[in-house]
Structures are given as C-alpha cells and as structure tokens.
Amino acid sequence: MGEVARIDPRIPLDLQPLPTMPYSQRPVELPLDVEECRTAIWYARGNITQAAGILKVSSSRLRNFVAKSDYLSREVSEAAEQLLDRAETIVAEALDDEDDKSRQDQMAKFVLSSSMAKRRGWGSGSNPSVSIKNQGSGTLVVGWADGTKFEPKQENETVIEGEYKRDAG
C-alpha cells in the first residue's frame, strides 16, 4: 500500500499541480500560467524569489507577472498574512512561557520594539525617543529617533567632543 503524502493544512486544497518539465530554466517563449504561479507562490509561502525558483524563472519575471495580476497579488498577500499569523502565535506562546523567564523577557522586548507596540508609544513610534549611533570612529551621535539632532537650548550649554571616560566610582 502506497504512503499518502500529508498535505499542509495552511496551503489551499485547490492548487493546480506543477508540471515537471525537463528544462533547467523555463524558456522565455513559454508563458507563465496564473494557476501555476499561484501554486508556486503557496509552496513558497508568498516568497516570490523562492516561487520563481520553483517555476525556473527569474524573480523579476515572476514579480512583474504578479504585479500585473490582482488575483496573484492577493494570494501573495494572504500567504504573507498567514505567515504573520503563525509568527504572532509563536510570540504569544513565548510571552506565556512561565517555565522560561528569559524567553518571556526577550519576547516582551521584541514586542515592545515592534510596529505593533508603536501604536501605544513604545519603540520609535509617535513619541520621540533617543537615538545613539556609533559612527565606528569612536564618535557617538546622539539625537531623537526621528532624526532631529540635539541642539543647545541656551548659549551657555556646551556640546561635549572628545573621548568618553568612565568615572571610577
């Protein structure tokens, strides 16, 4: 008795099978088929470059084809949304992991720095936060996260240049 292949429940059941062509690169004169592209997109979880590899075409060719098709664009978007749903499930599981406090802490930091938390003022959302960048030459540039530089407010304020020295205390 032959073994039945398990179908991933996240992949639509109505996908068309991909042809098994003996070419190493799809001939340019062979047009792309919408349903064939849809199948490759779902197998690649919405990753156009990976789907192009399945179809044996350049990623730019497939990306242009998808851009001209509302249907395929929606399929790519749905595959991406499902991937985000899975990632959010993992995030929630990590936040609820009472047995691994380090995992909880790391995930809490991740969530608070993500775009989800920006709506509530965390990360570099609507509330300005400080940005400190190391220029690689020992020079630190301090400014607001929105790119605004710190400027002295009064004439007697100074900008410190030079080496940083840590107090011994």
N, C-alpha and C. Protein backbone atom coordinates (compact mmCIF):
# COMPACT_ATOMS: atom_id res chain seq x y z
N MET A 1 0.85 -1.17 0.00
CA MET A 1 0.00 0.00 0.00
C MET A 1 0.90 1.24 0.00
N GLY A 2 0.67 2.15 -0.92
CA GLY A 2 1.49 3.35 -1.03
C GLY A 2 1.18 4.34 0.07
N GLU A 3 2.18 5.12 0.46
CA GLU A 3 2.00 6.12 1.51
C GLU A 3 1.39 7.38 0.92
N VAL A 4 0.37 7.91 1.60
CA VAL A 4 -0.30 9.10 1.14
C VAL A 4 0.48 10.31 1.65
N ALA A 5 0.77 11.25 0.76
CA ALA A 5 1.50 12.45 1.15
C ALA A 5 0.62 13.32 2.03
N ARG A 6 1.20 13.81 3.12
CA ARG A 6 0.46 14.72 4.00
C ARG A 6 0.38 16.08 3.35
N ILE A 7 -0.78 16.67 3.36
CA ILE A 7 -0.97 18.00 2.80
C ILE A 7 -0.94 19.00 3.94
N ASP A 8 -0.18 20.05 3.77
CA ASP A 8 -0.09 21.11 4.77
C ASP A 8 -1.45 21.79 4.83
N PRO A 9 -2.08 21.85 6.01
CA PRO A 9 -3.42 22.45 6.11
C PRO A 9 -3.44 23.95 5.83
N ARG A 10 -2.28 24.58 5.82
CA ARG A 10 -2.25 26.03 5.55
C ARG A 10 -2.23 26.33 4.06
N ILE A 11 -2.02 25.33 3.24
CA ILE A 11 -1.97 25.52 1.79
C ILE A 11 -3.34 25.20 1.21
N PRO A 12 -3.88 26.05 0.35
CA PRO A 12 -5.21 25.79 -0.24
C PRO A 12 -5.26 24.43 -0.94
N LEU A 13 -6.40 23.79 -0.83
CA LEU A 13 -6.56 22.46 -1.43
C LEU A 13 -6.78 22.50 -2.93
N ASP A 14 -7.13 23.67 -3.48
CA ASP A 14 -7.47 23.75 -4.90
C ASP A 14 -6.29 24.15 -5.79
N LEU A 15 -5.06 23.97 -5.31
CA LEU A 15 -3.89 24.32 -6.13
C LEU A 15 -3.74 23.36 -7.30
N GLN A 16 -3.28 23.91 -8.42
CA GLN A 16 -3.02 23.09 -9.60
C GLN A 16 -1.65 22.44 -9.47
N PRO A 17 -1.50 21.21 -9.92
CA PRO A 17 -0.17 20.59 -9.85
C PRO A 17 0.80 21.31 -10.78
N LEU A 18 2.05 21.35 -10.37
CA LEU A 18 3.08 21.95 -11.20
C LEU A 18 3.56 20.93 -12.22
N PRO A 19 3.78 21.36 -13.45
CA PRO A 19 4.30 20.42 -14.45
C PRO A 19 5.75 20.08 -14.14
N THR A 20 6.14 18.92 -14.52
CA THR A 20 7.54 18.51 -14.33
C THR A 20 8.22 18.56 -15.69
N MET A 21 8.75 19.72 -15.99
CA MET A 21 9.41 19.92 -17.28
C MET A 21 10.88 19.57 -17.16
N PRO A 22 11.45 19.08 -18.24
CA PRO A 22 12.86 18.67 -18.17
C PRO A 22 13.86 19.82 -18.40
N TYR A 23 13.43 21.08 -18.31
CA TYR A 23 14.35 22.18 -18.56
C TYR A 23 14.94 22.69 -17.24
N SER A 24 16.15 23.25 -17.33
CA SER A 24 16.78 23.81 -16.13
C SER A 24 16.35 25.27 -15.92
N GLN A 25 15.94 25.92 -17.00
CA GLN A 25 15.38 27.27 -16.91
C GLN A 25 14.21 27.33 -17.88
N ARG A 26 13.13 27.90 -17.42
CA ARG A 26 11.92 27.97 -18.24
C ARG A 26 12.19 28.80 -19.49
N PRO A 27 11.88 28.29 -20.65
CA PRO A 27 12.08 29.07 -21.87
C PRO A 27 11.24 30.35 -21.85
N VAL A 28 11.82 31.45 -22.31
CA VAL A 28 11.15 32.74 -22.31
C VAL A 28 9.86 32.69 -23.13
N GLU A 29 9.87 31.89 -24.21
CA GLU A 29 8.68 31.83 -25.06
C GLU A 29 7.53 31.04 -24.42
N LEU A 30 7.81 30.34 -23.32
CA LEU A 30 6.76 29.61 -22.61
C LEU A 30 6.12 30.57 -21.59
N PRO A 31 4.88 31.00 -21.84
CA PRO A 31 4.26 31.99 -20.95
C PRO A 31 3.98 31.42 -19.57
N LEU A 32 3.95 32.32 -18.60
CA LEU A 32 3.60 31.92 -17.25
C LEU A 32 2.09 31.72 -17.16
N ASP A 33 1.69 30.73 -16.40
CA ASP A 33 0.28 30.42 -16.19
C ASP A 33 -0.10 30.90 -14.79
N VAL A 34 -1.22 31.59 -14.68
CA VAL A 34 -1.64 32.17 -13.40
C VAL A 34 -1.77 31.10 -12.31
N GLU A 35 -2.43 30.00 -12.61
CA GLU A 35 -2.64 28.96 -11.58
C GLU A 35 -1.34 28.26 -11.22
N GLU A 36 -0.47 28.09 -12.19
CA GLU A 36 0.84 27.50 -11.92
C GLU A 36 1.64 28.43 -10.99
N CYS A 37 1.58 29.73 -11.26
CA CYS A 37 2.25 30.71 -10.40
C CYS A 37 1.66 30.71 -9.00
N ARG A 38 0.34 30.62 -8.92
CA ARG A 38 -0.33 30.58 -7.62
C ARG A 38 0.16 29.40 -6.80
N THR A 39 0.27 28.24 -7.43
CA THR A 39 0.74 27.05 -6.73
C THR A 39 2.15 27.26 -6.21
N ALA A 40 3.03 27.77 -7.04
CA ALA A 40 4.42 28.01 -6.62
C ALA A 40 4.47 29.03 -5.49
N ILE A 41 3.65 30.06 -5.56
CA ILE A 41 3.61 31.09 -4.52
C ILE A 41 3.21 30.48 -3.18
N TRP A 42 2.21 29.61 -3.18
CA TRP A 42 1.79 28.98 -1.93
C TRP A 42 2.83 28.01 -1.40
N TYR A 43 3.46 27.23 -2.30
CA TYR A 43 4.52 26.32 -1.85
C TYR A 43 5.66 27.11 -1.22
N ALA A 44 5.90 28.32 -1.71
CA ALA A 44 6.98 29.17 -1.21
C ALA A 44 6.51 30.12 -0.11
N ARG A 45 5.29 29.97 0.37
CA ARG A 45 4.71 30.78 1.44
C ARG A 45 4.75 32.28 1.13
N GLY A 46 4.54 32.61 -0.15
CA GLY A 46 4.49 34.01 -0.55
C GLY A 46 5.83 34.61 -0.92
N ASN A 47 6.90 33.84 -0.80
CA ASN A 47 8.23 34.34 -1.14
C ASN A 47 8.41 34.27 -2.66
N ILE A 48 8.41 35.43 -3.31
CA ILE A 48 8.47 35.48 -4.78
C ILE A 48 9.76 34.87 -5.32
N THR A 49 10.88 35.16 -4.69
CA THR A 49 12.16 34.62 -5.17
C THR A 49 12.16 33.10 -5.11
N GLN A 50 11.65 32.55 -4.03
CA GLN A 50 11.57 31.10 -3.89
C GLN A 50 10.58 30.50 -4.90
N ALA A 51 9.44 31.15 -5.08
CA ALA A 51 8.45 30.68 -6.04
C ALA A 51 9.03 30.72 -7.45
N ALA A 52 9.79 31.75 -7.77
CA ALA A 52 10.43 31.85 -9.09
C ALA A 52 11.39 30.68 -9.30
N GLY A 53 12.09 30.29 -8.25
CA GLY A 53 12.98 29.13 -8.34
C GLY A 53 12.22 27.85 -8.65
N ILE A 54 11.05 27.70 -8.04
CA ILE A 54 10.21 26.53 -8.31
C ILE A 54 9.77 26.52 -9.77
N LEU A 55 9.44 27.70 -10.29
CA LEU A 55 8.97 27.82 -11.67
C LEU A 55 10.12 27.89 -12.69
N LYS A 56 11.34 28.01 -12.19
CA LYS A 56 12.54 28.10 -13.03
C LYS A 56 12.52 29.33 -13.92
N VAL A 57 12.15 30.47 -13.28
CA VAL A 57 12.18 31.77 -13.96
C VAL A 57 12.91 32.75 -13.03
N SER A 58 13.24 33.90 -13.55
CA SER A 58 13.88 34.91 -12.70
C SER A 58 12.84 35.51 -11.76
N SER A 59 13.31 35.96 -10.63
CA SER A 59 12.38 36.56 -9.67
C SER A 59 11.76 37.84 -10.24
N SER A 60 12.51 38.58 -11.04
CA SER A 60 11.94 39.80 -11.62
C SER A 60 10.81 39.48 -12.59
N ARG A 61 10.95 38.38 -13.34
CA ARG A 61 9.88 37.98 -14.26
C ARG A 61 8.61 37.63 -13.49
N LEU A 62 8.76 36.84 -12.44
CA LEU A 62 7.58 36.46 -11.66
C LEU A 62 7.02 37.67 -10.91
N ARG A 63 7.88 38.51 -10.35
CA ARG A 63 7.41 39.68 -9.61
C ARG A 63 6.60 40.61 -10.53
N ASN A 64 7.07 40.80 -11.76
CA ASN A 64 6.33 41.63 -12.73
C ASN A 64 4.99 40.99 -13.09
N PHE A 65 4.99 39.67 -13.25
CA PHE A 65 3.76 38.95 -13.58
C PHE A 65 2.75 39.09 -12.45
N VAL A 66 3.21 38.93 -11.22
CA VAL A 66 2.33 39.05 -10.05
C VAL A 66 1.81 40.48 -9.93
N ALA A 67 2.66 41.46 -10.16
CA ALA A 67 2.26 42.87 -10.04
C ALA A 67 1.13 43.23 -11.01
N LYS A 68 1.05 42.53 -12.13
CA LYS A 68 0.01 42.81 -13.12
C LYS A 68 -1.28 42.04 -12.86
N SER A 69 -1.26 41.18 -11.85
CA SER A 69 -2.43 40.35 -11.55
C SER A 69 -2.95 40.63 -10.15
N ASP A 70 -4.14 41.22 -10.06
CA ASP A 70 -4.75 41.45 -8.74
C ASP A 70 -4.94 40.12 -8.01
N TYR A 71 -5.33 39.10 -8.75
CA TYR A 71 -5.57 37.77 -8.17
C TYR A 71 -4.30 37.24 -7.50
N LEU A 72 -3.18 37.25 -8.23
CA LEU A 72 -1.93 36.74 -7.66
C LEU A 72 -1.41 37.65 -6.55
N SER A 73 -1.61 38.94 -6.69
CA SER A 73 -1.19 39.87 -5.63
C SER A 73 -1.93 39.57 -4.33
N ARG A 74 -3.22 39.27 -4.43
CA ARG A 74 -4.00 38.91 -3.24
C ARG A 74 -3.51 37.59 -2.64
N GLU A 75 -3.11 36.64 -3.49
CA GLU A 75 -2.61 35.36 -3.00
C GLU A 75 -1.29 35.55 -2.25
N VAL A 76 -0.40 36.37 -2.79
CA VAL A 76 0.87 36.67 -2.12
C VAL A 76 0.59 37.33 -0.78
N SER A 77 -0.34 38.28 -0.77
CA SER A 77 -0.69 38.98 0.45
C SER A 77 -1.27 38.02 1.49
N GLU A 78 -2.14 37.12 1.07
CA GLU A 78 -2.74 36.16 2.01
C GLU A 78 -1.68 35.21 2.57
N ALA A 79 -0.77 34.75 1.72
CA ALA A 79 0.30 33.87 2.20
C ALA A 79 1.15 34.60 3.23
N ALA A 80 1.44 35.88 3.00
CA ALA A 80 2.21 36.67 3.94
C ALA A 80 1.44 36.87 5.24
N GLU A 81 0.14 37.11 5.15
CA GLU A 81 -0.68 37.28 6.35
C GLU A 81 -0.70 36.01 7.19
N GLN A 82 -0.80 34.86 6.52
CA GLN A 82 -0.79 33.60 7.26
C GLN A 82 0.55 33.37 7.95
N LEU A 83 1.63 33.78 7.31
CA LEU A 83 2.95 33.67 7.91
C LEU A 83 3.04 34.57 9.16
N LEU A 84 2.49 35.78 9.06
CA LEU A 84 2.45 36.67 10.22
C LEU A 84 1.59 36.10 11.34
N ASP A 85 0.47 35.49 10.97
CA ASP A 85 -0.39 34.86 11.98
C ASP A 85 0.38 33.78 12.75
N ARG A 86 1.13 32.97 12.01
CA ARG A 86 1.92 31.91 12.67
C ARG A 86 2.98 32.51 13.58
N ALA A 87 3.64 33.58 13.12
CA ALA A 87 4.67 34.22 13.93
C ALA A 87 4.06 34.83 15.19
N GLU A 88 2.89 35.44 15.07
CA GLU A 88 2.23 36.02 16.23
C GLU A 88 1.82 34.95 17.23
N THR A 89 1.46 33.77 16.75
CA THR A 89 1.13 32.66 17.64
C THR A 89 2.36 32.26 18.44
N ILE A 90 3.50 32.20 17.79
CA ILE A 90 4.76 31.85 18.47
C ILE A 90 5.13 32.92 19.49
N VAL A 91 4.93 34.19 19.13
CA VAL A 91 5.20 35.29 20.05
C VAL A 91 4.33 35.14 21.29
N ALA A 92 3.05 34.88 21.10
CA ALA A 92 2.13 34.73 22.24
C ALA A 92 2.53 33.55 23.11
N GLU A 93 2.93 32.45 22.49
CA GLU A 93 3.37 31.28 23.26
C GLU A 93 4.61 31.60 24.08
N ALA A 94 5.55 32.35 23.49
CA ALA A 94 6.76 32.73 24.22
C ALA A 94 6.45 33.67 25.38
N LEU A 95 5.53 34.61 25.17
CA LEU A 95 5.16 35.52 26.25
C LEU A 95 4.48 34.79 27.40
N ASP A 96 3.80 33.69 27.10
CA ASP A 96 3.10 32.92 28.12
C ASP A 96 3.94 31.81 28.73
N ASP A 97 5.19 31.68 28.33
CA ASP A 97 6.06 30.59 28.78
C ASP A 97 6.55 30.85 30.20
N GLU A 98 5.79 30.40 31.18
CA GLU A 98 6.14 30.61 32.59
C GLU A 98 7.39 29.84 33.00
N ASP A 99 7.74 28.80 32.26
CA ASP A 99 8.90 27.99 32.61
C ASP A 99 10.22 28.60 32.15
N ASP A 100 10.17 29.54 31.22
CA ASP A 100 11.40 30.13 30.68
C ASP A 100 11.27 31.66 30.73
N LYS A 101 11.65 32.23 31.87
CA LYS A 101 11.53 33.68 32.07
C LYS A 101 12.40 34.45 31.09
N SER A 102 13.55 33.90 30.72
CA SER A 102 14.43 34.57 29.76
C SER A 102 13.74 34.69 28.40
N ARG A 103 13.07 33.62 28.00
CA ARG A 103 12.32 33.65 26.74
C ARG A 103 11.21 34.69 26.81
N GLN A 104 10.51 34.74 27.94
CA GLN A 104 9.45 35.74 28.12
C GLN A 104 10.02 37.15 28.02
N ASP A 105 11.14 37.40 28.71
CA ASP A 105 11.74 38.73 28.70
C ASP A 105 12.17 39.13 27.29
N GLN A 106 12.83 38.23 26.59
CA GLN A 106 13.29 38.54 25.23
C GLN A 106 12.12 38.83 24.31
N MET A 107 11.06 38.05 24.43
CA MET A 107 9.90 38.26 23.56
C MET A 107 9.19 39.56 23.94
N ALA A 108 9.12 39.88 25.22
CA ALA A 108 8.49 41.14 25.63
C ALA A 108 9.27 42.32 25.04
N LYS A 109 10.60 42.27 25.08
CA LYS A 109 11.41 43.33 24.48
C LYS A 109 11.15 43.42 22.98
N PHE A 110 11.06 42.28 22.34
CA PHE A 110 10.79 42.26 20.90
C PHE A 110 9.44 42.90 20.59
N VAL A 111 8.43 42.49 21.32
CA VAL A 111 7.08 43.01 21.07
C VAL A 111 7.03 44.52 21.31
N LEU A 112 7.65 44.98 22.37
CA LEU A 112 7.60 46.40 22.69
C LEU A 112 8.39 47.25 21.70
N SER A 113 9.31 46.63 20.96
CA SER A 113 10.07 47.38 19.95
C SER A 113 9.48 47.20 18.55
N SER A 114 8.41 46.44 18.44
CA SER A 114 7.82 46.15 17.13
C SER A 114 6.81 47.21 16.71
N SER A 115 6.38 47.10 15.47
CA SER A 115 5.39 48.06 14.96
C SER A 115 4.06 47.93 15.69
N MET A 116 3.77 46.75 16.24
CA MET A 116 2.52 46.59 16.99
C MET A 116 2.50 47.53 18.19
N ALA A 117 3.64 47.68 18.86
CA ALA A 117 3.70 48.48 20.08
C ALA A 117 3.85 49.97 19.80
N LYS A 118 4.26 50.32 18.60
CA LYS A 118 4.44 51.74 18.26
C LYS A 118 3.14 52.52 18.39
N ARG A 119 2.03 51.83 18.12
CA ARG A 119 0.72 52.50 18.25
C ARG A 119 0.46 52.97 19.68
N ARG A 120 1.13 52.33 20.64
CA ARG A 120 0.94 52.69 22.05
C ARG A 120 2.10 53.52 22.59
N GLY A 121 2.99 53.97 21.72
CA GLY A 121 4.07 54.84 22.16
C GLY A 121 5.36 54.14 22.49
N TRP A 122 5.44 52.82 22.32
CA TRP A 122 6.69 52.10 22.56
C TRP A 122 7.56 52.18 21.32
N GLY A 123 8.82 51.85 21.47
CA GLY A 123 9.74 51.83 20.34
C GLY A 123 9.95 53.22 19.79
N SER A 124 10.05 53.34 18.49
CA SER A 124 10.26 54.65 17.88
C SER A 124 8.98 55.10 17.18
N GLY A 125 7.87 54.92 17.86
CA GLY A 125 6.59 55.31 17.30
C GLY A 125 6.38 56.80 17.35
N SER A 126 5.20 57.22 17.72
CA SER A 126 4.85 58.63 17.67
C SER A 126 5.56 59.45 18.75
N ASN A 127 5.93 58.83 19.87
CA ASN A 127 6.67 59.56 20.90
C ASN A 127 8.14 59.55 20.55
N PRO A 128 8.81 60.73 20.53
CA PRO A 128 10.21 60.73 20.18
C PRO A 128 11.03 60.00 21.23
N SER A 129 11.99 59.24 20.79
CA SER A 129 12.90 58.57 21.71
C SER A 129 14.32 58.89 21.28
N VAL A 130 15.25 58.63 22.16
CA VAL A 130 16.65 58.97 21.91
C VAL A 130 17.28 57.92 21.00
N SER A 131 18.09 58.39 20.09
CA SER A 131 18.84 57.53 19.20
C SER A 131 20.32 57.77 19.44
N ILE A 132 21.06 56.71 19.69
CA ILE A 132 22.51 56.82 19.87
C ILE A 132 23.15 55.92 18.83
N LYS A 133 23.96 56.54 17.97
CA LYS A 133 24.60 55.78 16.89
C LYS A 133 26.11 55.87 17.05
N ASN A 134 26.77 54.73 16.89
CA ASN A 134 28.23 54.70 16.90
C ASN A 134 28.70 54.81 15.46
N GLN A 135 29.45 55.87 15.17
CA GLN A 135 29.91 56.12 13.80
C GLN A 135 31.10 55.24 13.43
N GLY A 136 31.58 54.40 14.34
CA GLY A 136 32.67 53.49 14.03
C GLY A 136 34.04 54.07 14.30
N SER A 137 34.16 55.36 14.46
CA SER A 137 35.46 56.00 14.71
C SER A 137 35.56 56.42 16.17
N GLY A 138 34.71 55.86 17.02
CA GLY A 138 34.69 56.25 18.41
C GLY A 138 33.78 57.44 18.66
N THR A 139 33.13 57.94 17.62
CA THR A 139 32.24 59.08 17.74
C THR A 139 30.82 58.60 17.91
N LEU A 140 30.15 59.08 18.93
CA LEU A 140 28.75 58.76 19.15
C LEU A 140 27.92 59.96 18.72
N VAL A 141 26.86 59.71 17.98
CA VAL A 141 25.94 60.75 17.58
C VAL A 141 24.65 60.52 18.34
N VAL A 142 24.23 61.52 19.09
CA VAL A 142 23.02 61.40 19.91
C VAL A 142 21.97 62.33 19.32
N GLY A 143 20.78 61.81 19.17
CA GLY A 143 19.69 62.62 18.62
C GLY A 143 18.37 61.96 18.92
N TRP A 144 17.30 62.57 18.45
CA TRP A 144 15.99 61.96 18.57
C TRP A 144 15.85 60.89 17.50
N ALA A 145 15.03 59.89 17.76
CA ALA A 145 14.85 58.78 16.81
C ALA A 145 14.29 59.25 15.47
N ASP A 146 13.61 60.40 15.45
CA ASP A 146 13.06 60.90 14.19
C ASP A 146 14.13 61.60 13.33
N GLY A 147 15.39 61.62 13.80
CA GLY A 147 16.47 62.22 13.04
C GLY A 147 16.85 63.61 13.47
N THR A 148 16.05 64.24 14.34
CA THR A 148 16.36 65.58 14.83
C THR A 148 17.58 65.50 15.74
N LYS A 149 18.54 66.39 15.51
CA LYS A 149 19.75 66.40 16.34
C LYS A 149 19.51 67.23 17.59
N PHE A 150 20.22 66.87 18.67
CA PHE A 150 20.18 67.67 19.87
C PHE A 150 20.91 68.98 19.61
N GLU A 151 20.30 70.07 19.95
CA GLU A 151 20.92 71.39 19.78
C GLU A 151 20.92 72.06 21.14
N PRO A 152 22.00 72.80 21.47
CA PRO A 152 22.00 73.54 22.74
C PRO A 152 20.83 74.52 22.77
N LYS A 153 20.12 74.58 23.89
CA LYS A 153 18.96 75.45 24.03
C LYS A 153 19.37 76.86 24.49
N GLN A 154 20.50 76.92 25.21
CA GLN A 154 20.96 78.21 25.71
C GLN A 154 22.41 78.40 25.29
N GLU A 155 22.86 79.65 25.34
CA GLU A 155 24.22 79.94 24.91
C GLU A 155 25.26 79.29 25.80
N ASN A 156 24.96 79.11 27.08
CA ASN A 156 25.96 78.57 27.99
C ASN A 156 26.01 77.04 28.00
N GLU A 157 25.09 76.38 27.28
CA GLU A 157 25.16 74.92 27.17
C GLU A 157 26.29 74.55 26.23
N THR A 158 26.90 73.44 26.49
CA THR A 158 28.04 73.03 25.66
C THR A 158 27.78 71.67 25.03
N VAL A 159 28.43 71.47 23.90
CA VAL A 159 28.43 70.17 23.25
C VAL A 159 29.76 69.55 23.58
N ILE A 160 29.77 68.35 24.10
CA ILE A 160 31.00 67.70 24.52
C ILE A 160 31.57 66.91 23.34
N GLU A 161 32.82 67.19 23.04
CA GLU A 161 33.51 66.44 22.00
C GLU A 161 34.73 65.80 22.63
N GLY A 162 35.15 64.68 22.09
CA GLY A 162 36.35 64.02 22.61
C GLY A 162 36.03 62.64 23.12
N GLU A 163 36.96 62.11 23.90
CA GLU A 163 36.82 60.75 24.37
C GLU A 163 35.88 60.67 25.56
N TYR A 164 35.24 59.54 25.66
CA TYR A 164 34.38 59.27 26.81
C TYR A 164 35.23 58.61 27.87
N LYS A 165 35.16 59.10 29.09
CA LYS A 165 35.90 58.49 30.18
C LYS A 165 34.91 58.14 31.27
N ARG A 166 34.95 56.87 31.69
CA ARG A 166 34.04 56.40 32.72
C ARG A 166 34.59 56.79 34.09
N ASP A 167 33.69 57.27 34.96
CA ASP A 167 34.09 57.61 36.33
C ASP A 167 34.50 56.34 37.05
N ALA A 168 35.48 56.42 37.92
CA ALA A 168 35.97 55.28 38.66
C ALA A 168 35.07 54.91 39.82
N GLY A 169 34.00 55.62 40.05
CA GLY A 169 33.16 55.40 41.22
C GLY A 169 31.99 54.63 40.95
